[in-house]
Each structure stands twice: as structure tokens, then as C-alpha cells.
Amino acid sequence: MPERDWCLLRLDDNGNRFVMRRQLTRDEAEALARNYQARGHKQTYWAEREQPPSCERPRE
């Protein structure tokens, strides 16, 4: 069974990055990205493997 650790992301006109969907397989995420791109949306869409959250605290 494929791992569901991919997400669909969007970059808007102002350079803001958003996660649109999570817990997808790679095939699902890439298909959604292609679908949005094919519709002619102005934003950029892509699939990316999610990284596990870091346990480290940011340095001050």
C-alpha cells in the first residue's frame, strides 16, 4: 500500500505558500497538481513529500 505522506501545495501571486491537501499518495498529489495547472489557474501548484515535524526548538 502506498504511503500517504504527500501534500498538494500552492504558491499564490504574492509569494505565499499554502498546503491545500495532506495525507495523499504521491500519485494523488501529482494528479491534483496537474489538474489545477491544466485549468489555467494563475497560481503554481505542486506535489511535495511532507517532512516530519522537527522536535528542536528554534534558537533565540
N, C-alpha and C. Protein backbone atom coordinates (compact mmCIF):
# COMPACT_ATOMS: atom_id res chain seq x y z
N MET A 1 0.84 -1.18 0.00
CA MET A 1 0.00 0.00 0.00
C MET A 1 0.90 1.25 0.00
N PRO A 2 0.62 2.20 -0.89
CA PRO A 2 1.45 3.41 -0.95
C PRO A 2 1.29 4.26 0.31
N GLU A 3 2.40 4.89 0.68
CA GLU A 3 2.36 5.77 1.85
C GLU A 3 1.60 7.05 1.52
N ARG A 4 0.86 7.55 2.51
CA ARG A 4 0.06 8.76 2.34
C ARG A 4 0.78 9.91 3.06
N ASP A 5 1.98 10.23 2.54
CA ASP A 5 2.77 11.27 3.17
C ASP A 5 3.14 12.39 2.19
N TRP A 6 2.27 12.59 1.22
CA TRP A 6 2.46 13.65 0.23
C TRP A 6 1.38 14.71 0.41
N CYS A 7 1.68 15.92 -0.05
CA CYS A 7 0.71 17.01 0.04
C CYS A 7 0.70 17.79 -1.27
N LEU A 8 -0.37 18.54 -1.47
CA LEU A 8 -0.53 19.43 -2.61
C LEU A 8 -0.32 20.85 -2.10
N LEU A 9 0.57 21.60 -2.75
CA LEU A 9 0.87 22.96 -2.34
C LEU A 9 0.52 23.95 -3.44
N ARG A 10 0.33 25.20 -3.00
CA ARG A 10 0.01 26.28 -3.94
C ARG A 10 0.86 27.49 -3.58
N LEU A 11 1.39 28.15 -4.60
CA LEU A 11 2.10 29.41 -4.43
C LEU A 11 1.25 30.48 -5.10
N ASP A 12 0.80 31.47 -4.31
CA ASP A 12 -0.08 32.49 -4.88
C ASP A 12 0.71 33.63 -5.51
N ASP A 13 0.00 34.60 -6.03
CA ASP A 13 0.62 35.73 -6.74
C ASP A 13 1.52 36.57 -5.86
N ASN A 14 1.33 36.51 -4.55
CA ASN A 14 2.13 37.32 -3.62
C ASN A 14 3.28 36.53 -3.01
N GLY A 15 3.51 35.32 -3.49
CA GLY A 15 4.61 34.51 -2.99
C GLY A 15 4.28 33.74 -1.72
N ASN A 16 3.01 33.68 -1.34
CA ASN A 16 2.60 32.92 -0.16
C ASN A 16 2.40 31.46 -0.53
N ARG A 17 2.91 30.59 0.31
CA ARG A 17 2.84 29.15 0.08
C ARG A 17 1.78 28.55 1.01
N PHE A 18 0.89 27.73 0.44
CA PHE A 18 -0.20 27.12 1.19
C PHE A 18 -0.26 25.62 0.95
N VAL A 19 -0.53 24.87 2.00
CA VAL A 19 -0.81 23.44 1.85
C VAL A 19 -2.31 23.33 1.58
N MET A 20 -2.67 22.75 0.45
CA MET A 20 -4.09 22.62 0.08
C MET A 20 -4.67 21.29 0.53
N ARG A 21 -3.89 20.22 0.41
CA ARG A 21 -4.36 18.89 0.80
C ARG A 21 -3.19 18.12 1.40
N ARG A 22 -3.49 17.31 2.39
CA ARG A 22 -2.48 16.49 3.05
C ARG A 22 -2.88 15.03 3.01
N GLN A 23 -1.96 14.18 3.41
CA GLN A 23 -2.18 12.74 3.54
C GLN A 23 -2.62 12.12 2.21
N LEU A 24 -1.89 12.47 1.16
CA LEU A 24 -2.14 11.92 -0.17
C LEU A 24 -1.01 10.96 -0.53
N THR A 25 -1.30 10.08 -1.48
CA THR A 25 -0.22 9.30 -2.06
C THR A 25 0.49 10.20 -3.06
N ARG A 26 1.66 9.80 -3.48
CA ARG A 26 2.40 10.60 -4.46
C ARG A 26 1.58 10.74 -5.75
N ASP A 27 0.99 9.65 -6.22
CA ASP A 27 0.19 9.70 -7.45
C ASP A 27 -0.99 10.65 -7.31
N GLU A 28 -1.68 10.61 -6.17
CA GLU A 28 -2.83 11.50 -5.96
C GLU A 28 -2.39 12.96 -5.96
N ALA A 29 -1.31 13.26 -5.23
CA ALA A 29 -0.82 14.64 -5.14
C ALA A 29 -0.38 15.17 -6.49
N GLU A 30 0.35 14.37 -7.26
CA GLU A 30 0.81 14.81 -8.57
C GLU A 30 -0.35 14.98 -9.54
N ALA A 31 -1.34 14.10 -9.48
CA ALA A 31 -2.52 14.21 -10.34
C ALA A 31 -3.30 15.49 -10.03
N LEU A 32 -3.48 15.81 -8.75
CA LEU A 32 -4.18 17.04 -8.38
C LEU A 32 -3.41 18.27 -8.87
N ALA A 33 -2.10 18.26 -8.71
CA ALA A 33 -1.28 19.40 -9.17
C ALA A 33 -1.43 19.58 -10.68
N ARG A 34 -1.37 18.49 -11.43
CA ARG A 34 -1.54 18.58 -12.90
C ARG A 34 -2.92 19.11 -13.25
N ASN A 35 -3.94 18.66 -12.51
CA ASN A 35 -5.31 19.08 -12.77
C ASN A 35 -5.47 20.58 -12.57
N TYR A 36 -4.96 21.10 -11.46
CA TYR A 36 -5.05 22.54 -11.21
C TYR A 36 -4.26 23.34 -12.26
N GLN A 37 -3.06 22.88 -12.60
CA GLN A 37 -2.25 23.58 -13.59
C GLN A 37 -2.95 23.59 -14.95
N ALA A 38 -3.61 22.50 -15.31
CA ALA A 38 -4.28 22.40 -16.60
C ALA A 38 -5.49 23.32 -16.71
N ARG A 39 -6.06 23.70 -15.58
CA ARG A 39 -7.23 24.59 -15.59
C ARG A 39 -6.85 26.04 -15.87
N GLY A 40 -5.56 26.35 -15.91
CA GLY A 40 -5.13 27.69 -16.22
C GLY A 40 -5.15 28.65 -15.04
N HIS A 41 -5.10 28.12 -13.82
CA HIS A 41 -5.05 28.99 -12.65
C HIS A 41 -3.75 29.80 -12.69
N LYS A 42 -3.79 31.00 -12.15
CA LYS A 42 -2.60 31.86 -12.11
C LYS A 42 -1.56 31.34 -11.13
N GLN A 43 -2.00 30.71 -10.07
CA GLN A 43 -1.08 30.22 -9.06
C GLN A 43 -0.31 28.99 -9.56
N THR A 44 0.75 28.68 -8.83
CA THR A 44 1.54 27.49 -9.13
C THR A 44 1.18 26.40 -8.14
N TYR A 45 1.04 25.19 -8.64
CA TYR A 45 0.67 24.03 -7.81
C TYR A 45 1.72 22.95 -7.99
N TRP A 46 2.04 22.24 -6.89
CA TRP A 46 2.98 21.14 -6.99
C TRP A 46 2.77 20.16 -5.85
N ALA A 47 3.31 18.97 -6.04
CA ALA A 47 3.25 17.91 -5.03
C ALA A 47 4.59 17.86 -4.32
N GLU A 48 4.54 17.60 -3.02
CA GLU A 48 5.77 17.52 -2.23
C GLU A 48 5.57 16.53 -1.10
N ARG A 49 6.61 15.79 -0.82
CA ARG A 49 6.55 14.86 0.30
C ARG A 49 6.65 15.66 1.60
N GLU A 50 5.75 15.36 2.54
CA GLU A 50 5.75 16.08 3.81
C GLU A 50 6.92 15.63 4.67
N GLN A 51 7.52 16.58 5.34
CA GLN A 51 8.62 16.29 6.26
C GLN A 51 8.06 16.15 7.67
N PRO A 52 8.58 15.21 8.43
CA PRO A 52 8.11 15.09 9.81
C PRO A 52 8.46 16.37 10.58
N PRO A 53 7.60 16.78 11.52
CA PRO A 53 7.91 17.98 12.28
C PRO A 53 9.18 17.81 13.11
N SER A 54 9.91 18.87 13.23
CA SER A 54 11.15 18.84 13.99
C SER A 54 10.85 18.96 15.49
N CYS A 55 11.61 18.24 16.28
CA CYS A 55 11.44 18.29 17.73
C CYS A 55 12.27 19.40 18.34
N GLU A 56 13.16 19.99 17.55
CA GLU A 56 14.02 21.03 18.08
C GLU A 56 13.28 22.35 18.21
N ARG A 57 13.64 23.09 19.23
CA ARG A 57 13.09 24.44 19.40
C ARG A 57 13.95 25.41 18.60
N PRO A 58 13.33 26.46 18.06
CA PRO A 58 14.14 27.44 17.32
C PRO A 58 15.14 28.13 18.27
N ARG A 59 16.29 28.44 17.74
CA ARG A 59 17.29 29.15 18.54
C ARG A 59 16.89 30.61 18.68
N GLU A 60 17.16 31.16 19.84
CA GLU A 60 16.83 32.56 20.09
C GLU A 60 18.06 33.41 20.07
